[in-house]
Amino acid sequence: DNLITLHQRELDKLQNIKKSCLQKMFV
């Protein structure tokens, strides 16, 4: 259970990085 939460957190982090990268590109 804890492992899944950790994995989910990592995924969220990755998605956030992708979003910020995309925003920087578009700006």
N, C-alpha and C. Protein backbone atom coordinates (compact mmCIF):
# COMPACT_ATOMS: atom_id res chain seq x y z
N ASP A 1 0.85 -1.20 0.00
CA ASP A 1 0.00 0.00 0.00
C ASP A 1 0.88 1.24 0.00
N ASN A 2 1.84 1.27 0.89
CA ASN A 2 2.75 2.42 0.96
C ASN A 2 3.53 2.55 -0.34
N LEU A 3 3.91 1.41 -0.90
CA LEU A 3 4.67 1.41 -2.15
C LEU A 3 3.86 2.07 -3.26
N ILE A 4 2.59 1.72 -3.32
CA ILE A 4 1.72 2.29 -4.36
C ILE A 4 1.62 3.81 -4.20
N THR A 5 1.48 4.26 -2.98
CA THR A 5 1.38 5.69 -2.73
C THR A 5 2.66 6.40 -3.18
N LEU A 6 3.78 5.80 -2.87
CA LEU A 6 5.06 6.38 -3.26
C LEU A 6 5.15 6.47 -4.78
N HIS A 7 4.76 5.40 -5.45
CA HIS A 7 4.80 5.38 -6.91
C HIS A 7 3.89 6.47 -7.48
N GLN A 8 2.70 6.60 -6.90
CA GLN A 8 1.76 7.61 -7.36
C GLN A 8 2.35 9.00 -7.20
N ARG A 9 3.06 9.20 -6.10
CA ARG A 9 3.67 10.50 -5.84
C ARG A 9 4.72 10.81 -6.92
N GLU A 10 5.50 9.80 -7.26
CA GLU A 10 6.53 9.96 -8.29
C GLU A 10 5.87 10.32 -9.62
N LEU A 11 4.78 9.65 -9.93
CA LEU A 11 4.07 9.93 -11.18
C LEU A 11 3.57 11.37 -11.19
N ASP A 12 3.01 11.79 -10.09
CA ASP A 12 2.52 13.17 -9.99
C ASP A 12 3.65 14.15 -10.22
N LYS A 13 4.80 13.84 -9.63
CA LYS A 13 5.96 14.72 -9.76
C LYS A 13 6.35 14.83 -11.24
N LEU A 14 6.40 13.68 -11.89
CA LEU A 14 6.77 13.66 -13.31
C LEU A 14 5.79 14.48 -14.13
N GLN A 15 4.52 14.31 -13.88
CA GLN A 15 3.50 15.04 -14.63
C GLN A 15 3.65 16.55 -14.40
N ASN A 16 3.95 16.93 -13.18
CA ASN A 16 4.13 18.34 -12.86
C ASN A 16 5.30 18.91 -13.64
N ILE A 17 6.39 18.14 -13.70
CA ILE A 17 7.58 18.59 -14.43
C ILE A 17 7.23 18.75 -15.91
N LYS A 18 6.50 17.78 -16.45
CA LYS A 18 6.11 17.86 -17.86
C LYS A 18 5.27 19.11 -18.10
N LYS A 19 4.34 19.36 -17.22
CA LYS A 19 3.46 20.52 -17.37
C LYS A 19 4.27 21.81 -17.37
N SER A 20 5.16 21.96 -16.40
CA SER A 20 5.95 23.18 -16.31
C SER A 20 6.83 23.33 -17.54
N CYS A 21 7.37 22.23 -18.03
CA CYS A 21 8.22 22.27 -19.23
C CYS A 21 7.39 22.75 -20.42
N LEU A 22 6.20 22.20 -20.56
CA LEU A 22 5.32 22.60 -21.66
C LEU A 22 4.98 24.07 -21.56
N GLN A 23 4.65 24.52 -20.36
CA GLN A 23 4.29 25.92 -20.16
C GLN A 23 5.47 26.82 -20.55
N LYS A 24 6.67 26.44 -20.15
CA LYS A 24 7.85 27.24 -20.48
C LYS A 24 8.04 27.32 -21.98
N MET A 25 7.80 26.20 -22.66
CA MET A 25 7.95 26.17 -24.11
C MET A 25 6.95 27.09 -24.79
N PHE A 26 5.72 27.09 -24.30
CA PHE A 26 4.66 27.88 -24.93
C PHE A 26 4.80 29.37 -24.63
N VAL A 27 5.41 29.69 -23.52
CA VAL A 27 5.53 31.10 -23.13
C VAL A 27 6.53 31.82 -24.04
